[in-house]
C-alpha atoms as a PDB file:
ATOM      1  CA  UNK A   1      98.246  66.252  21.147  1.00  0.00           C
ATOM      2  CA  UNK A   2      96.695  69.381  20.723  1.00  0.00           C
ATOM      3  CA  UNK A   3      97.670  70.810  24.235  1.00  0.00           C
ATOM      4  CA  UNK A   4     101.348  69.630  23.223  1.00  0.00           C
ATOM      5  CA  UNK A   5     101.262  71.856  20.258  1.00  0.00           C
ATOM      6  CA  UNK A   6      99.672  74.693  21.949  1.00  0.00           C
ATOM      7  CA  UNK A   7     102.282  74.614  24.691  1.00  0.00           C
ATOM      8  CA  UNK A   8     105.077  74.268  22.013  1.00  0.00           C
ATOM      9  CA  UNK A   9     103.516  77.323  20.216  1.00  0.00           C
ATOM     10  CA  UNK A  10     103.393  79.244  23.343  1.00  0.00           C
ATOM     11  CA  UNK A  11     106.917  78.394  24.229  1.00  0.00           C
ATOM     12  CA  UNK A  12     108.310  79.362  20.950  1.00  0.00           C
ATOM     13  CA  UNK A  13     106.373  82.623  21.044  1.00  0.00           C
ATOM     14  CA  UNK A  14     107.659  83.428  24.523  1.00  0.00           C
ATOM     15  CA  UNK A  15     111.265  82.476  23.371  1.00  0.00           C
ATOM     16  CA  UNK A  16     111.089  84.928  20.414  1.00  0.00           C
ATOM     17  CA  UNK A  17     109.472  87.918  22.735  1.00  0.00           C
ATOM     18  CA  UNK A  18     112.505  87.109  25.030  1.00  0.00           C
ATOM     19  CA  UNK A  19     115.039  87.276  22.239  1.00  0.00           C
ATOM     20  CA  UNK A  20     113.270  90.632  21.000  1.00  0.00           C
ATOM     21  CA  UNK A  21     113.321  92.309  24.325  1.00  0.00           C
ATOM     22  CA  UNK A  22     117.096  91.628  24.787  1.00  0.00           C
ATOM     23  CA  UNK A  23     118.040  92.632  21.302  1.00  0.00           C
ATOM     24  CA  UNK A  24     115.942  95.850  21.927  1.00  0.00           C
ATOM     25  CA  UNK A  25     117.727  96.825  25.202  1.00  0.00           C
ATOM     26  CA  UNK A  26     121.143  96.089  23.144  1.00  0.00           C
ATOM     27  CA  UNK A  27     120.058  98.286  20.320  1.00  0.00           C
ATOM     28  CA  UNK A  28     118.804 101.112  22.855  1.00  0.00           C
ATOM     29  CA  UNK A  29     122.331 101.110  24.160  1.00  0.00           C
ATOM     30  CA  UNK A  30     123.904 101.582  20.753  1.00  0.00           C
ATOM     31  CA  UNK A  31     123.727 105.075  20.603  1.00  0.00           C
ATOM     32  CA  UNK A  32     125.926 105.576  23.575  1.00  0.00           C
ATOM     33  CA  UNK A  33     125.442 107.559  26.964  1.00  0.00           C
ATOM     34  CA  UNK A  34     124.049 110.915  25.340  1.00  0.00           C
ATOM     35  CA  UNK A  35     121.566 109.223  23.406  1.00  0.00           C
ATOM     36  CA  UNK A  36     120.005 106.900  25.971  1.00  0.00           C
ATOM     37  CA  UNK A  37     116.403 106.531  26.530  1.00  0.00           C
ATOM     38  CA  UNK A  38     116.229 105.112  30.102  1.00  0.00           C
ATOM     39  CA  UNK A  39     112.615 105.203  30.442  1.00  0.00           C
ATOM     40  CA  UNK A  40     112.391 102.807  27.436  1.00  0.00           C
ATOM     41  CA  UNK A  41     115.249 100.738  28.761  1.00  0.00           C
ATOM     42  CA  UNK A  42     113.322 100.346  31.927  1.00  0.00           C
ATOM     43  CA  UNK A  43     110.156  99.285  30.109  1.00  0.00           C
ATOM     44  CA  UNK A  44     111.864  96.885  27.707  1.00  0.00           C
ATOM     45  CA  UNK A  45     113.648  95.344  30.688  1.00  0.00           C
ATOM     46  CA  UNK A  46     110.246  94.675  32.331  1.00  0.00           C
ATOM     47  CA  UNK A  47     109.135  93.076  29.243  1.00  0.00           C
ATOM     48  CA  UNK A  48     112.261  91.069  29.260  1.00  0.00           C
ATOM     49  CA  UNK A  49     111.057  89.857  32.786  1.00  0.00           C
ATOM     50  CA  UNK A  50     107.911  88.886  31.539  1.00  0.00           C
ATOM     51  CA  UNK A  51     109.208  87.052  28.596  1.00  0.00           C
ATOM     52  CA  UNK A  52     111.427  84.966  30.950  1.00  0.00           C
ATOM     53  CA  UNK A  53     108.484  84.018  33.142  1.00  0.00           C
ATOM     54  CA  UNK A  54     106.390  83.117  30.011  1.00  0.00           C
ATOM     55  CA  UNK A  55     109.542  80.829  28.649  1.00  0.00           C
ATOM     56  CA  UNK A  56     109.604  79.213  32.113  1.00  0.00           C
ATOM     57  CA  UNK A  57     105.985  78.752  32.493  1.00  0.00           C
ATOM     58  CA  UNK A  58     105.427  77.146  29.291  1.00  0.00           C
ATOM     59  CA  UNK A  59     108.514  75.182  29.183  1.00  0.00           C
ATOM     60  CA  UNK A  60     107.383  73.550  32.340  1.00  0.00           C
ATOM     61  CA  UNK A  61     103.849  73.101  30.873  1.00  0.00           C
ATOM     62  CA  UNK A  62     105.572  71.243  27.983  1.00  0.00           C
ATOM     63  CA  UNK A  63     107.512  69.146  30.540  1.00  0.00           C
ATOM     64  CA  UNK A  64     104.585  68.147  32.604  1.00  0.00           C
ATOM     65  CA  UNK A  65     101.688  68.228  29.953  1.00  0.00           C
ATOM     66  CA  UNK A  66     103.474  67.362  26.745  1.00  0.00           C
ATOM     67  CA  UNK A  67     103.476  64.255  24.604  1.00  0.00           C
ATOM     68  CA  UNK A  68     107.099  63.301  25.849  1.00  0.00           C
ATOM     69  CA  UNK A  69     107.227  61.437  29.113  1.00  0.00           C
ATOM     70  CA  UNK A  70     108.817  62.797  32.203  1.00  0.00           C
ATOM     71  CA  UNK A  71     111.831  60.536  31.648  1.00  0.00           C
ATOM     72  CA  UNK A  72     112.736  61.999  28.315  1.00  0.00           C
ATOM     73  CA  UNK A  73     113.304  65.420  30.225  1.00  0.00           C
ATOM     74  CA  UNK A  74     114.603  64.462  33.581  1.00  0.00           C
ATOM     75  CA  UNK A  75     117.628  62.336  32.738  1.00  0.00           C
ATOM     76  CA  UNK A  76     118.731  64.364  29.654  1.00  0.00           C
ATOM     77  CA  UNK A  77     121.937  66.259  30.420  1.00  0.00           C
ATOM     78  CA  UNK A  78     121.421  68.376  27.329  1.00  0.00           C
ATOM     79  CA  UNK A  79     118.494  69.884  29.008  1.00  0.00           C
ATOM     80  CA  UNK A  80     120.350  70.245  31.873  1.00  0.00           C
ATOM     81  CA  UNK A  81     122.926  72.423  30.116  1.00  0.00           C
ATOM     82  CA  UNK A  82     119.984  74.265  28.408  1.00  0.00           C
ATOM     83  CA  UNK A  83     118.331  75.039  31.656  1.00  0.00           C
ATOM     84  CA  UNK A  84     121.850  75.953  33.271  1.00  0.00           C
ATOM     85  CA  UNK A  85     122.364  78.255  30.411  1.00  0.00           C
ATOM     86  CA  UNK A  86     118.932  79.901  30.944  1.00  0.00           C
ATOM     87  CA  UNK A  87     119.751  80.302  34.461  1.00  0.00           C
ATOM     88  CA  UNK A  88     123.040  81.843  33.796  1.00  0.00           C
ATOM     89  CA  UNK A  89     121.553  84.428  31.366  1.00  0.00           C
ATOM     90  CA  UNK A  90     119.258  85.386  34.153  1.00  0.00           C
ATOM     91  CA  UNK A  91     121.888  85.803  36.622  1.00  0.00           C
ATOM     92  CA  UNK A  92     123.645  87.902  34.273  1.00  0.00           C
ATOM     93  CA  UNK A  93     120.600  90.106  33.456  1.00  0.00           C
ATOM     94  CA  UNK A  94     120.616  91.097  37.216  1.00  0.00           C
ATOM     95  CA  UNK A  95     123.420  93.717  36.622  1.00  0.00           C
ATOM     96  CA  UNK A  96     121.811  95.548  33.774  1.00  0.00           C
ATOM     97  CA  UNK A  97     118.701  95.476  35.323  1.00  0.00           C
ATOM     98  CA  UNK A  98     120.173  97.228  38.779  1.00  0.00           C
ATOM     99  CA  UNK A  99     121.929  99.750  36.486  1.00  0.00           C
ATOM    100  CA  UNK A 100     118.746 100.761  34.447  1.00  0.00           C
ATOM    101  CA  UNK A 101     116.848 101.121  37.726  1.00  0.00           C
ATOM    102  CA  UNK A 102     119.856 103.154  39.296  1.00  0.00           C
ATOM    103  CA  UNK A 103     119.965 105.396  35.924  1.00  0.00           C
ATOM    104  CA  UNK A 104     116.006 105.952  36.050  1.00  0.00           C
ATOM    105  CA  UNK A 105     116.362 107.175  39.809  1.00  0.00           C
ATOM    106  CA  UNK A 106     119.413 109.322  38.923  1.00  0.00           C
ATOM    107  CA  UNK A 107     117.589 110.727  35.800  1.00  0.00           C
ATOM    108  CA  UNK A 108     114.408 111.501  38.033  1.00  0.00           C
ATOM    109  CA  UNK A 109     116.685 113.363  40.533  1.00  0.00           C
ATOM    110  CA  UNK A 110     118.476 115.376  37.897  1.00  0.00           C
ATOM    111  CA  UNK A 111     117.049 115.777  34.484  1.00  0.00           C
ATOM    112  CA  UNK A 112     120.441 116.607  32.988  1.00  0.00           C
ATOM    113  CA  UNK A 113     121.878 113.044  34.207  1.00  0.00           C
ATOM    114  CA  UNK A 114     124.105 111.411  32.062  1.00  0.00           C
ATOM    115  CA  UNK A 115     124.939 107.875  32.172  1.00  0.00           C
ATOM    116  CA  UNK A 116     128.899 107.225  32.792  1.00  0.00           C
ATOM    117  CA  UNK A 117     130.676 105.834  29.934  1.00  0.00           C
ATOM    118  CA  UNK A 118     132.125 102.909  31.974  1.00  0.00           C
ATOM    119  CA  UNK A 119     128.623 101.925  33.218  1.00  0.00           C
ATOM    120  CA  UNK A 120     127.277 102.002  29.630  1.00  0.00           C
ATOM    121  CA  UNK A 121     130.024  99.776  28.495  1.00  0.00           C
ATOM    122  CA  UNK A 122     129.713  97.329  31.072  1.00  0.00           C
ATOM    123  CA  UNK A 123     125.957  96.998  30.567  1.00  0.00           C
ATOM    124  CA  UNK A 124     126.236  96.682  26.783  1.00  0.00           C
ATOM    125  CA  UNK A 125     128.853  93.997  27.345  1.00  0.00           C
ATOM    126  CA  UNK A 126     126.659  92.090  29.449  1.00  0.00           C
ATOM    127  CA  UNK A 127     123.740  92.276  27.171  1.00  0.00           C
ATOM    128  CA  UNK A 128     126.008  90.961  24.449  1.00  0.00           C
ATOM    129  CA  UNK A 129     127.175  87.976  26.528  1.00  0.00           C
ATOM    130  CA  UNK A 130     123.658  87.301  27.354  1.00  0.00           C
ATOM    131  CA  UNK A 131     122.725  87.287  23.531  1.00  0.00           C
ATOM    132  CA  UNK A 132     125.428  84.939  22.758  1.00  0.00           C
ATOM    133  CA  UNK A 133     124.424  82.447  25.229  1.00  0.00           C
ATOM    134  CA  UNK A 134     120.956  82.804  24.401  1.00  0.00           C
ATOM    135  CA  UNK A 135     122.010  81.800  20.813  1.00  0.00           C
ATOM    136  CA  UNK A 136     123.308  78.530  21.794  1.00  0.00           C
ATOM    137  CA  UNK A 137     119.827  77.579  23.385  1.00  0.00           C
ATOM    138  CA  UNK A 138     118.252  76.715  20.150  1.00  0.00           C
ATOM    139  CA  UNK A 139     121.280  74.341  19.212  1.00  0.00           C
ATOM    140  CA  UNK A 140     120.771  72.566  22.417  1.00  0.00           C
ATOM    141  CA  UNK A 141     116.895  72.152  21.907  1.00  0.00           C
ATOM    142  CA  UNK A 142     117.588  70.757  18.518  1.00  0.00           C
ATOM    143  CA  UNK A 143     119.943  68.289  19.813  1.00  0.00           C
ATOM    144  CA  UNK A 144     117.564  67.247  22.618  1.00  0.00           C
ATOM    145  CA  UNK A 145     114.654  66.946  20.105  1.00  0.00           C
ATOM    146  CA  UNK A 146     116.840  64.382  18.277  1.00  0.00           C
ATOM    147  CA  UNK A 147     117.427  62.145  21.221  1.00  0.00           C
ATOM    148  CA  UNK A 148     121.107  63.598  21.913  1.00  0.00           C
ATOM    149  CA  UNK A 149     121.704  62.757  25.661  1.00  0.00           C
ATOM    150  CA  UNK A 150     119.196  60.091  26.326  1.00  0.00           C
ATOM    151  CA  UNK A 151     120.547  56.668  27.266  1.00  0.00           C
ATOM    152  CA  UNK A 152     119.415  53.936  25.066  1.00  0.00           C
END
């Protein structure tokens, strides 16, 4: 039971860290292209990757070592939707990551580099979509914890 509690705690912490890093990226973009701190965006995006890995590792730990049996998870469509959303968020995050890397390289080559407003808007929109999708995952987790999706 202690292992399950520790894994749940680590899972929650990693989810909070993931949400924080995504919100930080969005906040760093708020000032528009002239105010961008590209180095901070790249660093925060790296932390976002670490948080995603921690969410996956702790979630897998909960499935394999937690109190609930494998059957609770394996055949629950709510979990499948939850994981699908997480994967979709990960896929959507590729474009902003590539943009941050591209911006950092351009800034390294030209200290006066400014991000194009269309690029900035696109990345900001992608992050907002990710945030909205991320907000659905706790709802699915709540439903799953209450047995929704299990066949009696």
